[in-house]
Amino acid sequence: MRYLGCSYGHLIFSCVEHLLLVDVYTGTKVKPPKLHTNSDCVIDSAILMAPLSSSNSCLLLFSNLFIFQWQVVTNSWTDYPLVSEHFLIQIVLFKGQMFAIDFPQTLKTISLAPQPNVQEVDVVWGEDIVVGLNYDPWSPALILQPNQLSGQRWRSWKTGLSLSALIGGALHFLA
């Protein structure tokens, strides 16, 4: 079983074409329908777009070739071609927008409408701004904070913290 991500209190796992969502608080398990893909398609990460109890909840899976979408109340998957040169390591949903870190650690925004789109976000990395900050250059985790010098650019630091810290509220945007 392979870990794909966590979202809205659920751990998301896959094993070939089978998926499993586990509520970390209650242990309740949800099994989405089987995902039928070709052998070239590798699922890298996943995210819930809303809590499972929500009427508009859906699960998104990201592969090297497609974004797969499962509306929680249905028994089928919808696939969208994914145009990205790199695989997405981690994905965070914040205020209705999806952000991802890909390999080699660039920040991306992901949108599904009107068509799936992955775009790079201009970022000034912390090591370019802050001298003496302890960071792990191999860590994919990311904390975004508003840049006090400019209202148009992000300032961020790569740290040894888990990306779950972002989900817990460490992500801050310019107002």
N, C-alpha and C. Protein backbone atom coordinates (compact mmCIF):
# COMPACT_ATOMS: atom_id res chain seq x y z
N MET A 1 0.85 -1.18 0.00
CA MET A 1 0.00 0.00 0.00
C MET A 1 0.89 1.24 0.00
N ARG A 2 0.53 2.21 -0.81
CA ARG A 2 1.33 3.42 -0.98
C ARG A 2 0.57 4.64 -0.48
N TYR A 3 1.24 5.48 0.30
CA TYR A 3 0.66 6.71 0.82
C TYR A 3 0.66 7.77 -0.28
N LEU A 4 -0.50 8.40 -0.53
CA LEU A 4 -0.62 9.42 -1.57
C LEU A 4 -0.80 10.83 -1.01
N GLY A 5 -1.29 10.94 0.22
CA GLY A 5 -1.50 12.26 0.80
C GLY A 5 -2.49 12.23 1.94
N CYS A 6 -2.73 13.41 2.51
CA CYS A 6 -3.75 13.53 3.55
C CYS A 6 -4.54 14.81 3.28
N SER A 7 -5.81 14.76 3.62
CA SER A 7 -6.68 15.88 3.35
C SER A 7 -7.97 15.73 4.15
N TYR A 8 -8.41 16.82 4.76
CA TYR A 8 -9.65 16.84 5.53
C TYR A 8 -9.74 15.67 6.52
N GLY A 9 -8.64 15.40 7.21
CA GLY A 9 -8.63 14.36 8.23
C GLY A 9 -8.57 12.94 7.71
N HIS A 10 -8.29 12.77 6.44
CA HIS A 10 -8.22 11.43 5.84
C HIS A 10 -6.83 11.18 5.25
N LEU A 11 -6.29 10.01 5.54
CA LEU A 11 -5.09 9.53 4.86
C LEU A 11 -5.55 8.85 3.58
N ILE A 12 -4.80 9.05 2.50
CA ILE A 12 -5.18 8.49 1.20
C ILE A 12 -4.10 7.52 0.76
N PHE A 13 -4.51 6.27 0.49
CA PHE A 13 -3.58 5.21 0.10
C PHE A 13 -4.02 4.60 -1.22
N SER A 14 -3.03 3.99 -1.92
CA SER A 14 -3.36 3.24 -3.13
C SER A 14 -2.58 1.94 -3.14
N CYS A 15 -3.16 0.96 -3.80
CA CYS A 15 -2.51 -0.32 -4.05
C CYS A 15 -2.97 -0.75 -5.43
N VAL A 16 -2.13 -0.50 -6.43
CA VAL A 16 -2.43 -0.74 -7.84
C VAL A 16 -3.69 0.06 -8.20
N GLU A 17 -4.81 -0.60 -8.49
CA GLU A 17 -6.03 0.12 -8.90
C GLU A 17 -6.99 0.36 -7.75
N HIS A 18 -6.64 -0.10 -6.56
CA HIS A 18 -7.50 0.07 -5.38
C HIS A 18 -7.05 1.28 -4.57
N LEU A 19 -8.03 2.01 -4.03
CA LEU A 19 -7.75 3.18 -3.21
C LEU A 19 -8.45 3.03 -1.88
N LEU A 20 -7.90 3.73 -0.87
CA LEU A 20 -8.47 3.66 0.46
C LEU A 20 -8.29 5.01 1.14
N LEU A 21 -9.39 5.54 1.70
CA LEU A 21 -9.34 6.75 2.50
C LEU A 21 -9.63 6.34 3.94
N VAL A 22 -8.77 6.75 4.87
CA VAL A 22 -8.92 6.37 6.27
C VAL A 22 -9.05 7.64 7.11
N ASP A 23 -10.14 7.74 7.85
CA ASP A 23 -10.35 8.86 8.77
C ASP A 23 -9.38 8.67 9.94
N VAL A 24 -8.49 9.64 10.16
CA VAL A 24 -7.46 9.49 11.19
C VAL A 24 -8.03 9.57 12.60
N TYR A 25 -9.22 10.11 12.77
CA TYR A 25 -9.82 10.24 14.10
C TYR A 25 -10.68 9.05 14.48
N THR A 26 -11.42 8.51 13.52
CA THR A 26 -12.36 7.43 13.83
C THR A 26 -11.92 6.07 13.30
N GLY A 27 -11.00 6.06 12.35
CA GLY A 27 -10.58 4.81 11.73
C GLY A 27 -11.52 4.34 10.63
N THR A 28 -12.57 5.12 10.36
CA THR A 28 -13.52 4.77 9.30
C THR A 28 -12.80 4.73 7.95
N LYS A 29 -13.13 3.71 7.15
CA LYS A 29 -12.49 3.54 5.85
C LYS A 29 -13.52 3.73 4.73
N VAL A 30 -13.09 4.40 3.68
CA VAL A 30 -13.91 4.59 2.49
C VAL A 30 -13.12 4.05 1.31
N LYS A 31 -13.78 3.21 0.50
CA LYS A 31 -13.12 2.64 -0.68
C LYS A 31 -13.76 3.22 -1.94
N PRO A 32 -13.03 4.11 -2.63
CA PRO A 32 -13.54 4.61 -3.92
C PRO A 32 -13.59 3.47 -4.94
N PRO A 33 -14.27 3.67 -6.05
CA PRO A 33 -14.30 2.64 -7.09
C PRO A 33 -12.89 2.37 -7.63
N LYS A 34 -12.73 1.19 -8.24
CA LYS A 34 -11.43 0.85 -8.82
C LYS A 34 -11.05 1.88 -9.88
N LEU A 35 -9.76 2.17 -9.94
CA LEU A 35 -9.24 3.09 -10.93
C LEU A 35 -8.53 2.27 -12.00
N HIS A 36 -9.06 2.28 -13.20
CA HIS A 36 -8.48 1.51 -14.30
C HIS A 36 -7.59 2.42 -15.12
N THR A 37 -6.27 2.16 -15.08
CA THR A 37 -5.30 2.96 -15.83
C THR A 37 -4.38 2.03 -16.60
N ASN A 38 -3.59 2.61 -17.50
CA ASN A 38 -2.60 1.79 -18.19
C ASN A 38 -1.34 1.68 -17.33
N SER A 39 -0.44 0.82 -17.71
CA SER A 39 0.74 0.54 -16.89
C SER A 39 1.73 1.71 -16.86
N ASP A 40 1.61 2.66 -17.79
CA ASP A 40 2.51 3.81 -17.81
C ASP A 40 2.08 4.90 -16.82
N CYS A 41 0.90 4.77 -16.28
CA CYS A 41 0.33 5.78 -15.40
C CYS A 41 0.66 5.46 -13.94
N VAL A 42 1.41 6.35 -13.29
CA VAL A 42 1.79 6.17 -11.89
C VAL A 42 1.15 7.29 -11.08
N ILE A 43 0.35 6.93 -10.08
CA ILE A 43 -0.28 7.93 -9.22
C ILE A 43 0.76 8.41 -8.21
N ASP A 44 0.99 9.73 -8.18
CA ASP A 44 2.01 10.31 -7.30
C ASP A 44 1.42 10.91 -6.03
N SER A 45 0.24 11.53 -6.13
CA SER A 45 -0.32 12.22 -4.98
C SER A 45 -1.83 12.34 -5.13
N ALA A 46 -2.49 12.70 -4.01
CA ALA A 46 -3.95 12.80 -4.00
C ALA A 46 -4.39 13.86 -3.00
N ILE A 47 -5.60 14.39 -3.23
CA ILE A 47 -6.16 15.38 -2.32
C ILE A 47 -7.68 15.34 -2.41
N LEU A 48 -8.34 15.52 -1.26
CA LEU A 48 -9.79 15.71 -1.23
C LEU A 48 -10.07 17.20 -1.41
N MET A 49 -11.06 17.53 -2.22
CA MET A 49 -11.39 18.93 -2.47
C MET A 49 -12.36 19.50 -1.44
N ALA A 50 -12.99 18.65 -0.66
CA ALA A 50 -13.92 19.06 0.39
C ALA A 50 -14.08 17.87 1.33
N PRO A 51 -14.61 18.08 2.54
CA PRO A 51 -14.83 16.94 3.43
C PRO A 51 -15.73 15.90 2.77
N LEU A 52 -15.55 14.64 3.12
CA LEU A 52 -16.36 13.56 2.53
C LEU A 52 -17.84 13.76 2.76
N SER A 53 -18.21 14.40 3.86
CA SER A 53 -19.63 14.62 4.17
C SER A 53 -20.26 15.72 3.31
N SER A 54 -19.45 16.48 2.61
CA SER A 54 -19.95 17.57 1.77
C SER A 54 -20.54 17.02 0.47
N SER A 55 -21.58 17.68 -0.02
CA SER A 55 -22.23 17.22 -1.26
C SER A 55 -21.35 17.42 -2.49
N ASN A 56 -20.38 18.33 -2.42
CA ASN A 56 -19.51 18.56 -3.58
C ASN A 56 -18.11 17.98 -3.37
N SER A 57 -18.00 17.01 -2.48
CA SER A 57 -16.70 16.40 -2.22
C SER A 57 -16.23 15.57 -3.41
N CYS A 58 -14.95 15.70 -3.71
CA CYS A 58 -14.35 14.86 -4.74
C CYS A 58 -12.90 14.59 -4.38
N LEU A 59 -12.41 13.48 -4.87
CA LEU A 59 -11.03 13.07 -4.67
C LEU A 59 -10.29 13.27 -5.99
N LEU A 60 -9.14 13.94 -5.92
CA LEU A 60 -8.30 14.13 -7.10
C LEU A 60 -7.03 13.31 -6.94
N LEU A 61 -6.69 12.56 -7.98
CA LEU A 61 -5.44 11.81 -8.03
C LEU A 61 -4.58 12.42 -9.13
N PHE A 62 -3.30 12.56 -8.85
CA PHE A 62 -2.38 13.15 -9.82
C PHE A 62 -1.37 12.10 -10.24
N SER A 63 -1.26 11.91 -11.54
CA SER A 63 -0.29 10.96 -12.08
C SER A 63 0.66 11.71 -13.00
N ASN A 64 1.56 10.96 -13.60
CA ASN A 64 2.47 11.56 -14.56
C ASN A 64 1.77 11.95 -15.86
N LEU A 65 0.57 11.44 -16.09
CA LEU A 65 -0.13 11.69 -17.35
C LEU A 65 -1.50 12.34 -17.20
N PHE A 66 -2.16 12.11 -16.06
CA PHE A 66 -3.55 12.54 -15.91
C PHE A 66 -3.84 13.06 -14.50
N ILE A 67 -4.93 13.82 -14.42
CA ILE A 67 -5.60 14.09 -13.15
C ILE A 67 -6.87 13.26 -13.19
N PHE A 68 -7.09 12.44 -12.17
CA PHE A 68 -8.31 11.64 -12.08
C PHE A 68 -9.20 12.24 -11.01
N GLN A 69 -10.50 12.34 -11.30
CA GLN A 69 -11.46 12.93 -10.37
C GLN A 69 -12.57 11.94 -10.08
N TRP A 70 -12.84 11.76 -8.78
CA TRP A 70 -13.95 10.92 -8.34
C TRP A 70 -14.89 11.78 -7.50
N GLN A 71 -16.12 11.99 -7.99
CA GLN A 71 -17.16 12.62 -7.18
C GLN A 71 -17.62 11.56 -6.19
N VAL A 72 -17.59 11.89 -4.91
CA VAL A 72 -17.80 10.90 -3.86
C VAL A 72 -19.10 10.12 -4.02
N VAL A 73 -20.14 10.69 -4.54
CA VAL A 73 -21.42 9.98 -4.64
C VAL A 73 -21.53 9.11 -5.89
N THR A 74 -20.51 9.09 -6.74
CA THR A 74 -20.58 8.33 -7.99
C THR A 74 -19.75 7.06 -7.92
N ASN A 75 -19.87 6.24 -8.96
CA ASN A 75 -19.10 5.00 -9.04
C ASN A 75 -18.10 5.01 -10.19
N SER A 76 -17.74 6.21 -10.66
CA SER A 76 -16.83 6.26 -11.80
C SER A 76 -15.81 7.39 -11.63
N TRP A 77 -14.78 7.33 -12.45
CA TRP A 77 -13.71 8.31 -12.45
C TRP A 77 -13.77 9.12 -13.75
N THR A 78 -13.38 10.39 -13.66
CA THR A 78 -13.19 11.23 -14.83
C THR A 78 -11.70 11.52 -14.93
N ASP A 79 -11.15 11.44 -16.15
CA ASP A 79 -9.73 11.75 -16.27
C ASP A 79 -9.51 12.96 -17.17
N TYR A 80 -8.50 13.73 -16.81
CA TYR A 80 -8.11 14.93 -17.55
C TYR A 80 -6.63 14.81 -17.89
N PRO A 81 -6.25 15.09 -19.14
CA PRO A 81 -4.82 15.07 -19.46
C PRO A 81 -4.09 16.12 -18.62
N LEU A 82 -2.92 15.78 -18.13
CA LEU A 82 -2.13 16.68 -17.29
C LEU A 82 -0.93 17.15 -18.10
N VAL A 83 -0.79 18.46 -18.21
CA VAL A 83 0.34 19.03 -18.94
C VAL A 83 1.31 19.60 -17.91
N SER A 84 2.27 18.78 -17.50
CA SER A 84 3.30 19.20 -16.55
C SER A 84 4.55 18.37 -16.83
N GLU A 85 5.69 19.04 -16.84
CA GLU A 85 6.93 18.32 -17.14
C GLU A 85 7.40 17.47 -15.97
N HIS A 86 6.98 17.80 -14.76
CA HIS A 86 7.48 17.14 -13.56
C HIS A 86 6.33 16.54 -12.76
N PHE A 87 6.64 15.52 -11.96
CA PHE A 87 5.59 14.95 -11.13
C PHE A 87 5.41 15.79 -9.88
N LEU A 88 4.18 15.82 -9.39
CA LEU A 88 3.83 16.63 -8.23
C LEU A 88 4.07 15.83 -6.96
N ILE A 89 4.87 16.39 -6.05
CA ILE A 89 5.22 15.69 -4.82
C ILE A 89 4.12 15.83 -3.79
N GLN A 90 3.71 17.08 -3.52
CA GLN A 90 2.69 17.33 -2.51
C GLN A 90 1.76 18.43 -2.97
N ILE A 91 0.50 18.33 -2.52
CA ILE A 91 -0.53 19.27 -2.94
C ILE A 91 -1.26 19.79 -1.71
N VAL A 92 -1.57 21.08 -1.71
CA VAL A 92 -2.31 21.70 -0.60
C VAL A 92 -3.46 22.50 -1.20
N LEU A 93 -4.62 22.38 -0.59
CA LEU A 93 -5.79 23.16 -0.98
C LEU A 93 -5.94 24.28 0.05
N PHE A 94 -6.01 25.53 -0.42
CA PHE A 94 -6.15 26.65 0.49
C PHE A 94 -7.05 27.70 -0.14
N LYS A 95 -8.14 28.04 0.54
CA LYS A 95 -9.10 29.03 0.07
C LYS A 95 -9.52 28.77 -1.37
N GLY A 96 -9.80 27.51 -1.66
CA GLY A 96 -10.29 27.14 -2.98
C GLY A 96 -9.24 27.02 -4.07
N GLN A 97 -7.98 27.28 -3.75
CA GLN A 97 -6.91 27.15 -4.74
C GLN A 97 -6.02 25.98 -4.39
N MET A 98 -5.52 25.29 -5.43
CA MET A 98 -4.59 24.19 -5.22
C MET A 98 -3.18 24.67 -5.50
N PHE A 99 -2.29 24.34 -4.56
CA PHE A 99 -0.87 24.61 -4.72
C PHE A 99 -0.14 23.29 -4.63
N ALA A 100 0.95 23.16 -5.37
CA ALA A 100 1.72 21.92 -5.36
C ALA A 100 3.20 22.24 -5.42
N ILE A 101 3.97 21.31 -4.88
CA ILE A 101 5.41 21.33 -5.04
C ILE A 101 5.73 20.17 -5.95
N ASP A 102 6.48 20.45 -7.00
CA ASP A 102 6.85 19.37 -7.90
C ASP A 102 8.33 19.02 -7.70
N PHE A 103 8.78 18.06 -8.45
CA PHE A 103 10.20 17.77 -8.46
C PHE A 103 10.73 18.40 -9.72
N PRO A 104 11.60 19.35 -9.65
CA PRO A 104 12.60 19.69 -8.65
C PRO A 104 12.25 20.88 -7.76
N GLN A 105 11.23 20.80 -6.98
CA GLN A 105 10.86 21.76 -5.96
C GLN A 105 10.53 23.16 -6.49
N THR A 106 9.62 23.22 -7.43
CA THR A 106 9.07 24.50 -7.85
C THR A 106 7.61 24.55 -7.41
N LEU A 107 7.15 25.74 -7.09
CA LEU A 107 5.78 25.92 -6.63
C LEU A 107 4.86 26.07 -7.84
N LYS A 108 3.76 25.36 -7.83
CA LYS A 108 2.79 25.38 -8.94
C LYS A 108 1.40 25.70 -8.41
N THR A 109 0.57 26.28 -9.27
CA THR A 109 -0.86 26.36 -9.00
C THR A 109 -1.54 25.41 -9.97
N ILE A 110 -2.63 24.81 -9.51
CA ILE A 110 -3.37 23.86 -10.32
C ILE A 110 -4.82 24.33 -10.40
N SER A 111 -5.34 24.39 -11.61
CA SER A 111 -6.76 24.70 -11.77
C SER A 111 -7.39 23.64 -12.68
N LEU A 112 -8.66 23.37 -12.46
CA LEU A 112 -9.38 22.37 -13.26
C LEU A 112 -10.30 23.00 -14.29
N ALA A 113 -10.71 24.25 -14.05
CA ALA A 113 -11.64 24.90 -14.97
C ALA A 113 -10.99 26.12 -15.60
N PRO A 114 -11.26 26.44 -16.82
CA PRO A 114 -12.14 25.74 -17.74
C PRO A 114 -11.54 24.44 -18.26
N GLN A 115 -10.20 24.30 -18.16
CA GLN A 115 -9.53 23.04 -18.49
C GLN A 115 -8.37 22.88 -17.53
N PRO A 116 -7.92 21.65 -17.28
CA PRO A 116 -6.81 21.44 -16.34
C PRO A 116 -5.57 22.23 -16.75
N ASN A 117 -4.98 22.88 -15.75
CA ASN A 117 -3.84 23.73 -16.02
C ASN A 117 -2.90 23.72 -14.82
N VAL A 118 -1.61 23.60 -15.08
CA VAL A 118 -0.58 23.66 -14.04
C VAL A 118 0.37 24.79 -14.42
N GLN A 119 0.52 25.77 -13.52
CA GLN A 119 1.39 26.91 -13.81
C GLN A 119 2.37 27.13 -12.68
N GLU A 120 3.58 27.54 -13.04
CA GLU A 120 4.60 27.84 -12.04
C GLU A 120 4.31 29.21 -11.42
N VAL A 121 4.59 29.33 -10.11
CA VAL A 121 4.40 30.57 -9.37
C VAL A 121 5.77 31.17 -9.11
N ASP A 122 5.92 32.48 -9.37
CA ASP A 122 7.18 33.15 -9.06
C ASP A 122 7.40 33.17 -7.56
N VAL A 123 8.55 32.69 -7.13
CA VAL A 123 8.85 32.59 -5.70
C VAL A 123 10.26 33.10 -5.47
N VAL A 124 10.44 33.88 -4.41
CA VAL A 124 11.77 34.24 -3.94
C VAL A 124 12.06 33.31 -2.78
N TRP A 125 13.00 32.38 -2.97
CA TRP A 125 13.28 31.38 -1.94
C TRP A 125 13.99 32.02 -0.77
N GLY A 126 13.74 31.50 0.42
CA GLY A 126 14.27 32.03 1.67
C GLY A 126 15.76 32.16 1.69
N GLU A 127 16.49 31.20 1.12
CA GLU A 127 17.95 31.27 1.17
C GLU A 127 18.47 32.45 0.35
N ASP A 128 17.64 33.01 -0.52
CA ASP A 128 18.03 34.19 -1.28
C ASP A 128 17.78 35.48 -0.49
N ILE A 129 17.01 35.39 0.58
CA ILE A 129 16.63 36.57 1.34
C ILE A 129 17.23 36.57 2.74
N VAL A 130 17.13 35.47 3.44
CA VAL A 130 17.47 35.41 4.85
C VAL A 130 18.81 34.70 5.04
N VAL A 131 19.74 35.37 5.69
CA VAL A 131 21.05 34.78 5.97
C VAL A 131 20.99 34.09 7.32
N GLY A 132 21.56 32.91 7.43
CA GLY A 132 21.64 32.21 8.70
C GLY A 132 20.43 31.37 9.05
N LEU A 133 19.46 31.24 8.14
CA LEU A 133 18.28 30.42 8.40
C LEU A 133 18.63 28.96 8.23
N ASN A 134 18.28 28.13 9.20
CA ASN A 134 18.51 26.69 9.07
C ASN A 134 17.44 26.11 8.18
N TYR A 135 17.85 25.45 7.12
CA TYR A 135 16.89 24.80 6.24
C TYR A 135 17.52 23.56 5.65
N ASP A 136 16.68 22.65 5.23
CA ASP A 136 17.12 21.43 4.58
C ASP A 136 16.81 21.58 3.10
N PRO A 137 17.84 21.73 2.24
CA PRO A 137 17.55 21.96 0.82
C PRO A 137 16.88 20.79 0.13
N TRP A 138 16.85 19.62 0.75
CA TRP A 138 16.23 18.44 0.13
C TRP A 138 14.80 18.24 0.60
N SER A 139 14.34 19.07 1.51
CA SER A 139 12.99 18.90 2.05
C SER A 139 11.96 19.51 1.11
N PRO A 140 10.90 18.77 0.75
CA PRO A 140 9.88 19.33 -0.13
C PRO A 140 8.85 20.17 0.60
N ALA A 141 8.95 20.25 1.93
CA ALA A 141 7.96 21.01 2.69
C ALA A 141 8.15 22.50 2.46
N LEU A 142 7.08 23.25 2.62
CA LEU A 142 7.11 24.66 2.25
C LEU A 142 6.21 25.45 3.17
N ILE A 143 6.69 26.63 3.58
CA ILE A 143 5.86 27.56 4.32
C ILE A 143 5.87 28.87 3.55
N LEU A 144 4.70 29.38 3.24
CA LEU A 144 4.59 30.64 2.50
C LEU A 144 4.18 31.74 3.45
N GLN A 145 4.82 32.90 3.31
CA GLN A 145 4.46 34.04 4.14
C GLN A 145 4.44 35.28 3.26
N PRO A 146 3.66 36.29 3.63
CA PRO A 146 3.63 37.50 2.81
C PRO A 146 4.97 38.20 2.83
N ASN A 147 5.36 38.74 1.70
CA ASN A 147 6.59 39.51 1.59
C ASN A 147 6.28 40.94 1.99
N GLN A 148 6.91 41.42 3.04
CA GLN A 148 6.64 42.76 3.54
C GLN A 148 7.18 43.84 2.61
N LEU A 149 8.12 43.48 1.74
CA LEU A 149 8.74 44.47 0.86
C LEU A 149 7.95 44.70 -0.43
N SER A 150 7.19 43.71 -0.83
CA SER A 150 6.48 43.81 -2.11
C SER A 150 5.14 43.10 -1.99
N GLY A 151 4.09 43.71 -2.48
CA GLY A 151 2.78 43.09 -2.43
C GLY A 151 2.53 42.11 -3.56
N GLN A 152 3.51 41.89 -4.42
CA GLN A 152 3.27 41.07 -5.60
C GLN A 152 4.06 39.77 -5.62
N ARG A 153 4.96 39.56 -4.69
CA ARG A 153 5.77 38.35 -4.73
C ARG A 153 5.62 37.58 -3.42
N TRP A 154 5.84 36.30 -3.50
CA TRP A 154 5.80 35.44 -2.33
C TRP A 154 7.18 35.38 -1.71
N ARG A 155 7.23 35.19 -0.43
CA ARG A 155 8.49 34.89 0.24
C ARG A 155 8.26 33.55 0.92
N SER A 156 9.15 32.64 0.76
CA SER A 156 8.95 31.32 1.34
C SER A 156 10.26 30.75 1.84
N TRP A 157 10.13 29.78 2.72
CA TRP A 157 11.29 29.11 3.26
C TRP A 157 11.11 27.62 3.14
N LYS A 158 12.15 26.94 2.67
CA LYS A 158 12.14 25.48 2.72
C LYS A 158 12.61 25.12 4.12
N THR A 159 11.87 24.25 4.78
CA THR A 159 12.24 23.86 6.13
C THR A 159 12.12 22.36 6.28
N GLY A 160 12.51 21.86 7.43
CA GLY A 160 12.38 20.44 7.70
C GLY A 160 10.99 20.08 8.19
N LEU A 161 10.07 21.02 8.21
CA LEU A 161 8.72 20.76 8.70
C LEU A 161 7.92 19.95 7.70
N SER A 162 6.96 19.23 8.19
CA SER A 162 6.07 18.46 7.33
C SER A 162 5.08 19.38 6.63
N LEU A 163 4.67 19.02 5.43
CA LEU A 163 3.68 19.82 4.71
C LEU A 163 2.36 19.84 5.46
N SER A 164 2.13 18.89 6.35
CA SER A 164 0.89 18.93 7.13
C SER A 164 0.82 20.18 7.98
N ALA A 165 1.98 20.81 8.27
CA ALA A 165 1.97 22.08 8.98
C ALA A 165 1.25 23.14 8.15
N LEU A 166 1.36 23.04 6.84
CA LEU A 166 0.63 23.97 5.98
C LEU A 166 -0.86 23.79 6.15
N ILE A 167 -1.28 22.54 6.15
CA ILE A 167 -2.70 22.24 6.27
C ILE A 167 -3.20 22.70 7.63
N GLY A 168 -2.34 22.64 8.64
CA GLY A 168 -2.71 23.05 9.99
C GLY A 168 -2.74 24.55 10.19
N GLY A 169 -2.43 25.32 9.18
CA GLY A 169 -2.56 26.76 9.32
C GLY A 169 -1.28 27.54 9.16
N ALA A 170 -0.19 26.92 8.75
CA ALA A 170 1.07 27.64 8.60
C ALA A 170 1.15 28.38 7.28
N LEU A 171 0.14 28.25 6.45
CA LEU A 171 0.12 28.91 5.15
C LEU A 171 -0.56 30.26 5.30
N HIS A 172 0.14 31.31 4.94
CA HIS A 172 -0.40 32.67 5.06
C HIS A 172 -0.33 33.35 3.70
N PHE A 173 -1.36 34.12 3.37
CA PHE A 173 -1.39 34.83 2.10
C PHE A 173 -1.42 36.33 2.33
N LEU A 174 -1.06 37.05 1.30
CA LEU A 174 -1.23 38.49 1.33
C LEU A 174 -2.72 38.81 1.37
N ALA A 175 -3.10 39.75 2.17
CA ALA A 175 -4.52 40.10 2.27
C ALA A 175 -4.97 40.89 1.07
